[in-house]
Every structure is written in structure tokens, then in C-alpha cells.
């Protein structure tokens, strides 16, 4: 005689998948260190019609872990604050944070730093001036 547990195997699998998803550390965002003195403001991005693009992109990125976003080319991990930049290191931040940027659309970027799975947005960079590099294929 087979003992019945009352639980369907498909149900157990679904519960396992839900628990796994809960423990998956997807990227979350913080604006607590947003620098209002450098880069652009949210109002500037709204006037340039790219604030909505930013919000859509943040929602899309929220489905990924940091590693997944890096592998997809959405998130660029720089490590240290760049030397070739038009931005200044914010005096209120600790040295040694792990700097990165998110590609929003075209050349528009959001620059900040990562701690664990939190991306702290520090600069809005619509002209790609946070990490200035040589143009390719021109």
C-alpha cells in the first residue's frame, strides 16, 4: 500500500521555485547618495524626455542579479572611481566603494556604486561623461 502525503509533486516543485526566487538577490536601487550638484537633475531628464526611459530601464534591471546584469552588458563594473571623468568624487562617500554604471539608452548612463545587491544611484549622466573613453568605430 502506498502512503499518501496529501501533497502533489507539482505543488512541491512550485513551492521550491518560489522559495528559490525569494532568496535570489536581484538588484535594488537607492537614491540616498544622489548628488544634486553634479550631472543632471531628474527635472533635466524629464525635459529631455529620458526620465521615463530611466524608470522603464530600472524596472527591467530589477529582474536581474548583479552578475546577470554585468553578463548582459547592462551594468558596467568599474571598481574604482574613474580618473578620466568630468565628475568629482563626492566628499560624503567613503573611498573604496565599487563604482559602476547602468546603460539606459544610447549614451545615457546612471553612475553610482554597488554594495551587495544594492545599486546606489549617485549621478545622472546623459552625455556619458562619467567614464570617458575613446570612441570606437569612428
N, C-alpha and C. Protein backbone atom coordinates (compact mmCIF):
# COMPACT_ATOMS: atom_id res chain seq x y z
N UNK A 1 0.85 -1.18 0.00
CA UNK A 1 0.00 0.00 0.00
C UNK A 1 0.89 1.24 0.00
N UNK A 2 0.55 2.23 -0.85
CA UNK A 2 1.30 3.47 -0.97
C UNK A 2 0.72 4.50 -0.01
N UNK A 3 1.59 5.06 0.79
CA UNK A 3 1.14 6.08 1.73
C UNK A 3 1.03 7.42 0.99
N UNK A 4 -0.07 8.09 1.15
CA UNK A 4 -0.29 9.37 0.50
C UNK A 4 0.07 10.49 1.47
N UNK A 5 0.83 11.42 0.97
CA UNK A 5 1.24 12.56 1.81
C UNK A 5 0.27 13.72 1.70
N UNK A 6 -0.59 13.68 0.70
CA UNK A 6 -1.53 14.77 0.51
C UNK A 6 -0.96 15.94 -0.27
N UNK A 7 0.32 15.85 -0.62
CA UNK A 7 0.94 16.93 -1.39
C UNK A 7 1.26 16.44 -2.78
N UNK A 8 0.87 17.20 -3.73
CA UNK A 8 1.09 16.88 -5.13
C UNK A 8 2.53 17.25 -5.50
N UNK A 9 3.26 16.41 -6.25
CA UNK A 9 4.65 16.72 -6.61
C UNK A 9 4.81 18.06 -7.32
N UNK A 10 3.87 18.42 -8.19
CA UNK A 10 3.96 19.70 -8.91
C UNK A 10 3.86 20.87 -7.92
N UNK A 11 3.03 20.71 -6.91
CA UNK A 11 2.87 21.75 -5.89
C UNK A 11 4.17 21.92 -5.10
N UNK A 12 4.81 20.81 -4.74
CA UNK A 12 6.08 20.88 -4.01
C UNK A 12 7.14 21.58 -4.85
N UNK A 13 7.17 21.30 -6.15
CA UNK A 13 8.14 21.93 -7.04
C UNK A 13 7.88 23.44 -7.12
N UNK A 14 6.62 23.84 -7.20
CA UNK A 14 6.28 25.26 -7.28
C UNK A 14 6.71 25.98 -6.00
N UNK A 15 6.47 25.37 -4.84
CA UNK A 15 6.87 25.97 -3.57
C UNK A 15 8.39 26.12 -3.53
N UNK A 16 9.13 25.10 -3.99
CA UNK A 16 10.58 25.16 -4.02
C UNK A 16 11.05 26.31 -4.92
N UNK A 17 10.45 26.44 -6.11
CA UNK A 17 10.83 27.50 -7.04
C UNK A 17 10.55 28.88 -6.44
N UNK A 18 9.41 29.02 -5.74
CA UNK A 18 9.08 30.30 -5.11
C UNK A 18 10.08 30.64 -4.01
N UNK A 19 10.46 29.65 -3.22
CA UNK A 19 11.45 29.89 -2.17
C UNK A 19 12.79 30.27 -2.76
N UNK A 20 13.19 29.61 -3.84
CA UNK A 20 14.45 29.92 -4.51
C UNK A 20 14.42 31.34 -5.03
N UNK A 21 13.32 31.77 -5.61
CA UNK A 21 13.18 33.12 -6.14
C UNK A 21 13.29 34.16 -5.03
N UNK A 22 12.74 33.86 -3.87
CA UNK A 22 12.80 34.79 -2.75
C UNK A 22 14.26 35.02 -2.34
N UNK A 23 15.07 33.99 -2.37
CA UNK A 23 16.45 34.08 -1.92
C UNK A 23 17.40 34.58 -3.01
N UNK A 24 16.92 34.74 -4.22
CA UNK A 24 17.72 35.26 -5.32
C UNK A 24 17.86 36.76 -5.12
N UNK A 25 19.07 37.26 -4.98
CA UNK A 25 19.30 38.66 -4.66
C UNK A 25 19.33 39.51 -5.92
N UNK A 26 18.16 39.98 -6.33
CA UNK A 26 18.09 40.84 -7.50
C UNK A 26 18.52 42.25 -7.12
N UNK A 27 18.86 43.04 -8.13
CA UNK A 27 19.31 44.41 -7.90
C UNK A 27 18.15 45.26 -7.38
N UNK A 28 18.45 46.04 -6.37
CA UNK A 28 17.52 47.07 -5.89
C UNK A 28 18.26 48.40 -5.94
N UNK A 29 17.53 49.49 -5.92
CA UNK A 29 18.11 50.81 -6.13
C UNK A 29 17.88 51.72 -4.94
N UNK A 30 18.86 52.60 -4.71
CA UNK A 30 18.76 53.59 -3.64
C UNK A 30 19.18 54.95 -4.20
N UNK A 31 18.50 55.98 -3.75
CA UNK A 31 18.83 57.36 -4.14
C UNK A 31 19.40 58.14 -2.96
N UNK A 32 19.74 57.45 -1.88
CA UNK A 32 20.19 58.16 -0.67
C UNK A 32 21.48 58.95 -0.88
N UNK A 33 22.31 58.56 -1.84
CA UNK A 33 23.56 59.27 -2.10
C UNK A 33 23.55 60.02 -3.43
N UNK A 34 22.37 60.32 -3.94
CA UNK A 34 22.25 61.05 -5.20
C UNK A 34 22.88 62.43 -5.05
N UNK A 35 23.76 62.79 -5.98
CA UNK A 35 24.49 64.06 -5.95
C UNK A 35 23.73 65.10 -6.77
N UNK A 36 23.16 66.08 -6.09
CA UNK A 36 22.37 67.11 -6.78
C UNK A 36 23.25 68.20 -7.39
N UNK A 37 24.55 68.15 -7.12
CA UNK A 37 25.46 69.20 -7.60
C UNK A 37 26.25 68.82 -8.85
N UNK A 38 26.14 67.57 -9.28
CA UNK A 38 26.87 67.11 -10.46
C UNK A 38 25.94 66.32 -11.36
N UNK A 39 26.28 66.27 -12.64
CA UNK A 39 25.42 65.56 -13.58
C UNK A 39 24.14 66.34 -13.80
N UNK A 40 23.09 65.63 -14.10
CA UNK A 40 21.81 66.30 -14.34
C UNK A 40 20.83 65.97 -13.23
N UNK A 41 19.78 66.76 -13.19
CA UNK A 41 18.70 66.53 -12.23
C UNK A 41 17.62 65.68 -12.88
N UNK A 42 16.70 65.19 -12.07
CA UNK A 42 15.57 64.44 -12.62
C UNK A 42 14.73 65.34 -13.51
N UNK A 43 14.65 66.62 -13.17
CA UNK A 43 13.90 67.57 -13.99
C UNK A 43 14.55 67.73 -15.36
N UNK A 44 15.89 67.77 -15.39
CA UNK A 44 16.59 67.84 -16.68
C UNK A 44 16.26 66.63 -17.55
N UNK A 45 16.29 65.46 -16.94
CA UNK A 45 16.00 64.23 -17.70
C UNK A 45 14.55 64.21 -18.16
N UNK A 46 13.66 64.77 -17.34
CA UNK A 46 12.26 64.83 -17.75
C UNK A 46 12.09 65.76 -18.95
N UNK A 47 12.73 66.92 -18.91
CA UNK A 47 12.66 67.87 -20.03
C UNK A 47 13.26 67.27 -21.31
N UNK A 48 14.31 66.46 -21.14
CA UNK A 48 14.96 65.80 -22.29
C UNK A 48 14.22 64.54 -22.73
N UNK A 49 13.13 64.23 -22.06
CA UNK A 49 12.29 63.07 -22.39
C UNK A 49 13.03 61.74 -22.22
N UNK A 50 13.91 61.67 -21.21
CA UNK A 50 14.59 60.40 -20.94
C UNK A 50 14.32 59.87 -19.53
N UNK A 51 13.61 60.63 -18.70
CA UNK A 51 13.31 60.15 -17.35
C UNK A 51 12.44 58.89 -17.40
N UNK A 52 11.47 58.87 -18.30
CA UNK A 52 10.62 57.67 -18.43
C UNK A 52 11.45 56.47 -18.88
N UNK A 53 12.43 56.71 -19.77
CA UNK A 53 13.32 55.62 -20.21
C UNK A 53 14.10 55.07 -19.01
N UNK A 54 14.55 55.98 -18.14
CA UNK A 54 15.26 55.56 -16.94
C UNK A 54 14.38 54.67 -16.08
N UNK A 55 13.16 55.08 -15.85
CA UNK A 55 12.27 54.31 -14.99
C UNK A 55 11.96 52.93 -15.58
N UNK A 56 11.73 52.88 -16.88
CA UNK A 56 11.48 51.60 -17.54
C UNK A 56 12.70 50.71 -17.42
N UNK A 57 13.87 51.28 -17.63
CA UNK A 57 15.11 50.50 -17.56
C UNK A 57 15.36 49.98 -16.15
N UNK A 58 15.13 50.82 -15.13
CA UNK A 58 15.30 50.36 -13.75
C UNK A 58 14.37 49.20 -13.44
N UNK A 59 13.15 49.28 -13.95
CA UNK A 59 12.20 48.17 -13.75
C UNK A 59 12.72 46.90 -14.41
N UNK A 60 13.22 47.00 -15.64
CA UNK A 60 13.77 45.84 -16.34
C UNK A 60 14.96 45.24 -15.59
N UNK A 61 15.84 46.09 -15.14
CA UNK A 61 17.05 45.64 -14.46
C UNK A 61 16.72 44.98 -13.12
N UNK A 62 15.62 45.37 -12.52
CA UNK A 62 15.22 44.82 -11.22
C UNK A 62 14.93 43.32 -11.26
N UNK A 63 14.88 42.73 -12.43
CA UNK A 63 14.68 41.29 -12.56
C UNK A 63 15.99 40.51 -12.49
N UNK A 64 17.14 41.22 -12.51
CA UNK A 64 18.44 40.58 -12.60
C UNK A 64 19.24 40.69 -11.31
N UNK A 65 20.13 39.74 -11.11
CA UNK A 65 21.14 39.88 -10.07
C UNK A 65 22.25 40.75 -10.64
N UNK A 66 23.18 41.17 -9.81
CA UNK A 66 24.31 41.97 -10.28
C UNK A 66 25.10 41.21 -11.33
N UNK A 67 25.38 39.95 -11.07
CA UNK A 67 26.16 39.13 -12.01
C UNK A 67 25.43 39.01 -13.35
N UNK A 68 24.13 38.80 -13.32
CA UNK A 68 23.36 38.69 -14.57
C UNK A 68 23.39 40.00 -15.35
N UNK A 69 23.23 41.12 -14.67
CA UNK A 69 23.23 42.42 -15.34
C UNK A 69 24.59 42.72 -15.97
N UNK A 70 25.67 42.33 -15.30
CA UNK A 70 27.01 42.52 -15.86
C UNK A 70 27.18 41.65 -17.10
N UNK A 71 26.76 40.39 -17.01
CA UNK A 71 26.93 39.48 -18.15
C UNK A 71 26.09 39.89 -19.35
N UNK A 72 24.98 40.59 -19.14
CA UNK A 72 24.13 41.06 -20.24
C UNK A 72 24.59 42.40 -20.79
N UNK A 73 25.62 43.00 -20.19
CA UNK A 73 26.14 44.28 -20.67
C UNK A 73 25.32 45.48 -20.25
N UNK A 74 24.41 45.30 -19.33
CA UNK A 74 23.57 46.40 -18.84
C UNK A 74 24.32 47.18 -17.76
N UNK A 75 25.02 46.46 -16.93
CA UNK A 75 25.77 47.04 -15.82
C UNK A 75 27.26 46.92 -16.11
N UNK A 76 27.97 48.00 -15.97
CA UNK A 76 29.42 48.01 -16.18
C UNK A 76 30.09 48.25 -14.84
N UNK A 77 30.89 47.29 -14.40
CA UNK A 77 31.60 47.37 -13.13
C UNK A 77 32.95 48.03 -13.35
N UNK A 78 33.18 49.20 -12.74
CA UNK A 78 34.44 49.92 -12.90
C UNK A 78 35.41 49.68 -11.75
N UNK A 79 34.90 49.29 -10.61
CA UNK A 79 35.77 49.14 -9.45
C UNK A 79 36.01 50.50 -8.81
N UNK A 80 37.13 51.10 -9.11
CA UNK A 80 37.48 52.39 -8.53
C UNK A 80 36.85 53.55 -9.30
N UNK A 81 36.80 54.70 -8.65
CA UNK A 81 36.30 55.91 -9.29
C UNK A 81 37.21 56.24 -10.47
N UNK A 82 36.65 56.57 -11.63
CA UNK A 82 37.49 56.79 -12.82
C UNK A 82 38.38 58.02 -12.71
N UNK A 83 39.51 57.95 -13.38
CA UNK A 83 40.41 59.11 -13.44
C UNK A 83 40.02 60.03 -14.59
N UNK A 84 39.57 59.44 -15.70
CA UNK A 84 39.20 60.22 -16.87
C UNK A 84 37.69 60.48 -16.82
N UNK A 85 37.30 61.51 -16.06
CA UNK A 85 35.90 61.80 -15.83
C UNK A 85 35.69 63.30 -15.66
N UNK A 86 34.47 63.75 -15.89
CA UNK A 86 34.12 65.14 -15.62
C UNK A 86 33.45 65.29 -14.26
N UNK A 87 33.37 64.20 -13.51
CA UNK A 87 32.74 64.22 -12.19
C UNK A 87 33.81 64.22 -11.10
N UNK A 88 33.45 64.75 -9.95
CA UNK A 88 34.33 64.72 -8.78
C UNK A 88 33.79 63.69 -7.79
N UNK A 89 34.71 63.04 -7.10
CA UNK A 89 34.30 62.06 -6.10
C UNK A 89 33.53 62.80 -5.00
N UNK A 90 32.31 62.38 -4.71
CA UNK A 90 31.52 63.06 -3.67
C UNK A 90 32.19 62.96 -2.30
N UNK A 91 32.33 64.08 -1.62
CA UNK A 91 33.04 64.11 -0.34
C UNK A 91 32.32 63.33 0.76
N UNK A 92 31.03 63.09 0.60
CA UNK A 92 30.25 62.40 1.62
C UNK A 92 30.32 60.87 1.49
N UNK A 93 31.02 60.37 0.46
CA UNK A 93 31.15 58.92 0.29
C UNK A 93 32.51 58.44 0.78
N UNK A 94 32.54 57.17 1.21
CA UNK A 94 33.79 56.55 1.63
C UNK A 94 34.59 56.11 0.41
N UNK A 95 35.89 56.24 0.51
CA UNK A 95 36.77 55.70 -0.55
C UNK A 95 36.62 54.19 -0.56
N UNK A 96 36.82 53.60 -1.72
CA UNK A 96 36.80 52.15 -1.80
C UNK A 96 35.46 51.55 -2.18
N UNK A 97 34.44 52.39 -2.44
CA UNK A 97 33.19 51.81 -2.91
C UNK A 97 33.39 51.29 -4.34
N UNK A 98 32.58 50.35 -4.74
CA UNK A 98 32.70 49.69 -6.05
C UNK A 98 31.83 50.44 -7.07
N UNK A 99 32.47 51.28 -7.90
CA UNK A 99 31.74 52.11 -8.86
C UNK A 99 31.29 51.32 -10.07
N UNK A 100 30.15 51.73 -10.62
CA UNK A 100 29.58 51.07 -11.78
C UNK A 100 28.66 52.05 -12.50
N UNK A 101 28.22 51.66 -13.69
CA UNK A 101 27.22 52.46 -14.38
C UNK A 101 26.22 51.54 -15.06
N UNK A 102 25.03 52.08 -15.24
CA UNK A 102 23.95 51.36 -15.92
C UNK A 102 23.69 52.04 -17.25
N UNK A 103 23.63 51.26 -18.30
CA UNK A 103 23.30 51.78 -19.62
C UNK A 103 21.78 51.92 -19.69
N UNK A 104 21.32 53.12 -19.97
CA UNK A 104 19.88 53.37 -20.05
C UNK A 104 19.43 53.26 -21.51
N UNK A 105 19.97 54.11 -22.36
CA UNK A 105 19.67 54.08 -23.79
C UNK A 105 20.74 54.92 -24.47
N UNK A 106 21.13 54.55 -25.67
CA UNK A 106 22.15 55.34 -26.37
C UNK A 106 23.35 55.60 -25.48
N UNK A 107 23.68 56.88 -25.29
CA UNK A 107 24.82 57.21 -24.44
C UNK A 107 24.41 57.53 -23.00
N UNK A 108 23.12 57.55 -22.71
CA UNK A 108 22.66 57.89 -21.37
C UNK A 108 23.04 56.80 -20.37
N UNK A 109 23.58 57.24 -19.22
CA UNK A 109 24.01 56.34 -18.18
C UNK A 109 23.56 56.86 -16.82
N UNK A 110 23.51 55.95 -15.88
CA UNK A 110 23.35 56.28 -14.48
C UNK A 110 24.58 55.72 -13.79
N UNK A 111 25.31 56.57 -13.09
CA UNK A 111 26.54 56.13 -12.42
C UNK A 111 26.31 56.09 -10.91
N UNK A 112 26.97 55.14 -10.29
CA UNK A 112 26.85 55.00 -8.85
C UNK A 112 27.76 53.90 -8.35
N UNK A 113 27.41 53.35 -7.23
CA UNK A 113 28.23 52.27 -6.68
C UNK A 113 27.34 51.14 -6.20
N UNK A 114 27.97 49.97 -6.05
CA UNK A 114 27.26 48.76 -5.67
C UNK A 114 27.76 48.27 -4.32
N UNK A 115 26.83 47.95 -3.45
CA UNK A 115 27.13 47.24 -2.21
C UNK A 115 26.14 46.09 -2.13
N UNK A 116 26.69 44.88 -2.11
CA UNK A 116 25.88 43.66 -2.11
C UNK A 116 25.02 43.70 -3.37
N UNK A 117 23.70 43.74 -3.24
CA UNK A 117 22.83 43.78 -4.42
C UNK A 117 22.16 45.14 -4.58
N UNK A 118 22.66 46.16 -3.88
CA UNK A 118 22.08 47.50 -3.94
C UNK A 118 22.93 48.38 -4.85
N UNK A 119 22.28 49.00 -5.84
CA UNK A 119 22.94 49.98 -6.70
C UNK A 119 22.52 51.35 -6.18
N UNK A 120 23.50 52.10 -5.66
CA UNK A 120 23.26 53.44 -5.16
C UNK A 120 23.47 54.42 -6.31
N UNK A 121 22.40 55.04 -6.77
CA UNK A 121 22.48 56.00 -7.87
C UNK A 121 23.07 57.30 -7.34
N UNK A 122 24.20 57.71 -7.93
CA UNK A 122 24.87 58.94 -7.50
C UNK A 122 24.76 60.03 -8.56
N UNK A 123 24.92 59.67 -9.83
CA UNK A 123 24.89 60.66 -10.91
C UNK A 123 23.97 60.22 -12.05
N UNK A 124 23.26 61.19 -12.62
CA UNK A 124 22.60 61.01 -13.90
C UNK A 124 23.56 61.57 -14.94
N UNK A 125 23.88 60.77 -15.95
CA UNK A 125 24.94 61.12 -16.90
C UNK A 125 24.43 60.95 -18.33
N UNK A 126 23.68 61.93 -18.82
CA UNK A 126 23.09 61.78 -20.15
C UNK A 126 24.10 61.93 -21.28
N UNK A 127 25.29 62.47 -20.99
CA UNK A 127 26.30 62.69 -22.03
C UNK A 127 27.47 61.72 -21.94
N UNK A 128 27.37 60.71 -21.09
CA UNK A 128 28.40 59.68 -20.93
C UNK A 128 29.75 60.31 -20.58
N UNK A 129 29.76 61.13 -19.52
CA UNK A 129 30.98 61.83 -19.09
C UNK A 129 31.56 61.24 -17.80
N UNK A 130 30.89 60.23 -17.24
CA UNK A 130 31.41 59.62 -16.00
C UNK A 130 32.68 58.84 -16.27
N UNK A 131 32.65 58.01 -17.28
CA UNK A 131 33.83 57.23 -17.67
C UNK A 131 34.09 57.56 -19.14
N UNK A 132 34.97 58.52 -19.37
CA UNK A 132 35.25 58.98 -20.73
C UNK A 132 36.24 58.02 -21.37
N UNK A 133 35.85 57.47 -22.50
CA UNK A 133 36.73 56.55 -23.21
C UNK A 133 36.80 56.97 -24.68
N UNK A 134 37.78 56.44 -25.37
CA UNK A 134 37.91 56.76 -26.79
C UNK A 134 36.75 56.16 -27.57
N UNK A 135 36.26 56.91 -28.54
CA UNK A 135 35.17 56.41 -29.39
C UNK A 135 35.67 55.28 -30.26
N UNK A 136 34.81 54.28 -30.42
CA UNK A 136 35.16 53.13 -31.26
C UNK A 136 34.43 53.24 -32.59
N UNK A 137 35.05 52.73 -33.62
CA UNK A 137 34.43 52.63 -34.96
C UNK A 137 34.04 54.00 -35.53
N UNK A 138 34.89 55.02 -35.30
CA UNK A 138 34.56 56.33 -35.87
C UNK A 138 35.58 56.74 -36.90
